[in-house]
Amino acid sequence: MNLQTLHQQTQEVISAIANKQPMLAKEKLLIATDLLNKLIDHATNNEQLIELTKYETLLTLLQNKLK
């Protein structure tokens, strides 16, 4: 579990939305959000937290788009 995996999961959410597959996008979003929360829990410095916060904001925006 690392930032690269989170990036890939986030891209899969974006791709599912672009392909008009909302159910798949919601599944992928849950996986990405779970991974993000685990990474935040294990972050050891401010730089990591800043980068993870960017993903948190993006995932929140994508979640709102799916509502």
N, C-alpha and C. Protein backbone atom coordinates (compact mmCIF):
# COMPACT_ATOMS: atom_id res chain seq x y z
N MET A 1 0.85 -1.19 0.00
CA MET A 1 0.00 0.00 0.00
C MET A 1 0.89 1.24 0.00
N ASN A 2 0.76 2.02 -1.06
CA ASN A 2 1.54 3.24 -1.12
C ASN A 2 0.81 4.28 -1.95
N LEU A 3 1.45 5.39 -2.13
CA LEU A 3 0.87 6.49 -2.87
C LEU A 3 0.62 6.13 -4.33
N GLN A 4 1.49 5.33 -4.90
CA GLN A 4 1.33 4.91 -6.29
C GLN A 4 0.05 4.08 -6.47
N THR A 5 -0.22 3.21 -5.51
CA THR A 5 -1.44 2.41 -5.55
C THR A 5 -2.67 3.31 -5.41
N LEU A 6 -2.59 4.29 -4.53
CA LEU A 6 -3.70 5.23 -4.36
C LEU A 6 -3.94 6.00 -5.65
N HIS A 7 -2.88 6.41 -6.31
CA HIS A 7 -3.01 7.12 -7.58
C HIS A 7 -3.73 6.24 -8.60
N GLN A 8 -3.34 4.99 -8.68
CA GLN A 8 -3.95 4.05 -9.63
C GLN A 8 -5.43 3.85 -9.31
N GLN A 9 -5.76 3.68 -8.05
CA GLN A 9 -7.15 3.49 -7.65
C GLN A 9 -7.99 4.72 -7.98
N THR A 10 -7.42 5.89 -7.74
CA THR A 10 -8.12 7.14 -8.04
C THR A 10 -8.36 7.27 -9.54
N GLN A 11 -7.37 6.89 -10.33
CA GLN A 11 -7.52 6.95 -11.79
C GLN A 11 -8.61 6.00 -12.27
N GLU A 12 -8.73 4.85 -11.61
CA GLU A 12 -9.78 3.90 -11.98
C GLU A 12 -11.16 4.47 -11.69
N VAL A 13 -11.30 5.23 -10.61
CA VAL A 13 -12.57 5.89 -10.30
C VAL A 13 -12.90 6.89 -11.40
N ILE A 14 -11.93 7.71 -11.77
CA ILE A 14 -12.13 8.72 -12.81
C ILE A 14 -12.50 8.05 -14.13
N SER A 15 -11.84 6.97 -14.46
CA SER A 15 -12.13 6.26 -15.71
C SER A 15 -13.55 5.68 -15.71
N ALA A 16 -13.96 5.13 -14.59
CA ALA A 16 -15.31 4.57 -14.49
C ALA A 16 -16.37 5.67 -14.65
N ILE A 17 -16.11 6.83 -14.07
CA ILE A 17 -17.05 7.95 -14.22
C ILE A 17 -17.09 8.38 -15.68
N ALA A 18 -15.94 8.49 -16.31
CA ALA A 18 -15.86 8.91 -17.71
C ALA A 18 -16.57 7.91 -18.63
N ASN A 19 -16.53 6.63 -18.27
CA ASN A 19 -17.17 5.60 -19.07
C ASN A 19 -18.64 5.39 -18.69
N LYS A 20 -19.16 6.28 -17.88
CA LYS A 20 -20.56 6.23 -17.43
C LYS A 20 -20.92 4.90 -16.78
N GLN A 21 -20.06 4.51 -15.84
CA GLN A 21 -20.27 3.29 -15.05
C GLN A 21 -20.32 3.67 -13.58
N PRO A 22 -21.43 4.28 -13.13
CA PRO A 22 -21.49 4.80 -11.76
C PRO A 22 -21.35 3.73 -10.67
N MET A 23 -21.89 2.54 -10.91
CA MET A 23 -21.78 1.50 -9.88
C MET A 23 -20.33 1.06 -9.70
N LEU A 24 -19.63 0.88 -10.80
CA LEU A 24 -18.21 0.53 -10.74
C LEU A 24 -17.41 1.65 -10.10
N ALA A 25 -17.75 2.89 -10.45
CA ALA A 25 -17.05 4.05 -9.88
C ALA A 25 -17.24 4.09 -8.36
N LYS A 26 -18.44 3.79 -7.89
CA LYS A 26 -18.69 3.79 -6.44
C LYS A 26 -17.89 2.71 -5.74
N GLU A 27 -17.81 1.53 -6.36
CA GLU A 27 -17.00 0.44 -5.79
C GLU A 27 -15.53 0.85 -5.70
N LYS A 28 -15.02 1.38 -6.80
CA LYS A 28 -13.61 1.81 -6.84
C LYS A 28 -13.35 2.94 -5.85
N LEU A 29 -14.33 3.82 -5.70
CA LEU A 29 -14.20 4.94 -4.77
C LEU A 29 -14.09 4.44 -3.33
N LEU A 30 -14.87 3.44 -2.99
CA LEU A 30 -14.79 2.87 -1.64
C LEU A 30 -13.41 2.27 -1.38
N ILE A 31 -12.89 1.57 -2.38
CA ILE A 31 -11.56 0.96 -2.24
C ILE A 31 -10.49 2.05 -2.08
N ALA A 32 -10.57 3.09 -2.92
CA ALA A 32 -9.59 4.18 -2.85
C ALA A 32 -9.67 4.92 -1.52
N THR A 33 -10.89 5.16 -1.06
CA THR A 33 -11.08 5.88 0.21
C THR A 33 -10.55 5.06 1.38
N ASP A 34 -10.78 3.76 1.36
CA ASP A 34 -10.25 2.89 2.41
C ASP A 34 -8.73 2.92 2.43
N LEU A 35 -8.13 2.83 1.24
CA LEU A 35 -6.67 2.89 1.15
C LEU A 35 -6.15 4.24 1.64
N LEU A 36 -6.81 5.31 1.24
CA LEU A 36 -6.42 6.64 1.68
C LEU A 36 -6.43 6.75 3.21
N ASN A 37 -7.50 6.26 3.82
CA ASN A 37 -7.59 6.32 5.29
C ASN A 37 -6.47 5.54 5.96
N LYS A 38 -6.13 4.38 5.39
CA LYS A 38 -5.02 3.60 5.96
C LYS A 38 -3.70 4.34 5.81
N LEU A 39 -3.50 4.97 4.65
CA LEU A 39 -2.25 5.71 4.43
C LEU A 39 -2.16 6.92 5.37
N ILE A 40 -3.29 7.59 5.57
CA ILE A 40 -3.29 8.74 6.50
C ILE A 40 -2.96 8.27 7.91
N ASP A 41 -3.53 7.15 8.31
CA ASP A 41 -3.26 6.62 9.66
C ASP A 41 -1.78 6.29 9.87
N HIS A 42 -1.10 5.91 8.80
CA HIS A 42 0.30 5.50 8.92
C HIS A 42 1.30 6.54 8.40
N ALA A 43 0.82 7.72 8.07
CA ALA A 43 1.71 8.78 7.59
C ALA A 43 2.66 9.19 8.72
N THR A 44 3.91 9.43 8.34
CA THR A 44 4.92 9.72 9.36
C THR A 44 5.44 11.15 9.31
N ASN A 45 5.10 11.90 8.26
CA ASN A 45 5.59 13.28 8.22
C ASN A 45 4.58 14.19 7.53
N ASN A 46 4.82 15.48 7.63
CA ASN A 46 3.89 16.46 7.09
C ASN A 46 3.79 16.41 5.57
N GLU A 47 4.90 16.12 4.89
CA GLU A 47 4.88 16.05 3.43
C GLU A 47 3.92 14.97 2.95
N GLN A 48 3.95 13.83 3.62
CA GLN A 48 3.03 12.74 3.27
C GLN A 48 1.58 13.17 3.50
N LEU A 49 1.33 13.81 4.62
CA LEU A 49 -0.03 14.25 4.93
C LEU A 49 -0.53 15.29 3.93
N ILE A 50 0.34 16.17 3.50
CA ILE A 50 -0.05 17.18 2.51
C ILE A 50 -0.45 16.50 1.20
N GLU A 51 0.35 15.55 0.75
CA GLU A 51 0.05 14.84 -0.49
C GLU A 51 -1.24 14.03 -0.36
N LEU A 52 -1.43 13.38 0.77
CA LEU A 52 -2.63 12.59 0.98
C LEU A 52 -3.88 13.47 1.07
N THR A 53 -3.73 14.66 1.59
CA THR A 53 -4.86 15.59 1.67
C THR A 53 -5.33 15.98 0.27
N LYS A 54 -4.42 16.07 -0.67
CA LYS A 54 -4.81 16.37 -2.06
C LYS A 54 -5.70 15.26 -2.60
N TYR A 55 -5.33 14.02 -2.33
CA TYR A 55 -6.15 12.89 -2.77
C TYR A 55 -7.48 12.86 -2.04
N GLU A 56 -7.46 13.21 -0.77
CA GLU A 56 -8.70 13.24 0.01
C GLU A 56 -9.68 14.24 -0.60
N THR A 57 -9.18 15.40 -0.98
CA THR A 57 -10.01 16.42 -1.60
C THR A 57 -10.56 15.93 -2.94
N LEU A 58 -9.71 15.33 -3.76
CA LEU A 58 -10.14 14.81 -5.06
C LEU A 58 -11.19 13.72 -4.89
N LEU A 59 -10.98 12.80 -3.98
CA LEU A 59 -11.94 11.72 -3.78
C LEU A 59 -13.28 12.26 -3.27
N THR A 60 -13.24 13.29 -2.45
CA THR A 60 -14.48 13.92 -1.99
C THR A 60 -15.23 14.55 -3.15
N LEU A 61 -14.51 15.22 -4.04
CA LEU A 61 -15.14 15.81 -5.22
C LEU A 61 -15.75 14.74 -6.12
N LEU A 62 -15.04 13.64 -6.29
CA LEU A 62 -15.57 12.54 -7.12
C LEU A 62 -16.80 11.91 -6.48
N GLN A 63 -16.77 11.79 -5.16
CA GLN A 63 -17.92 11.24 -4.45
C GLN A 63 -19.14 12.14 -4.64
N ASN A 64 -18.94 13.44 -4.57
CA ASN A 64 -20.05 14.38 -4.77
C ASN A 64 -20.58 14.30 -6.19
N LYS A 65 -19.70 14.06 -7.14
CA LYS A 65 -20.11 13.94 -8.55
C LYS A 65 -21.01 12.72 -8.75
N LEU A 66 -20.77 11.68 -7.98
CA LEU A 66 -21.55 10.45 -8.11
C LEU A 66 -22.91 10.50 -7.41
N LYS A 67 -23.14 11.51 -6.62
CA LYS A 67 -24.43 11.62 -5.90
C LYS A 67 -25.53 12.02 -6.83
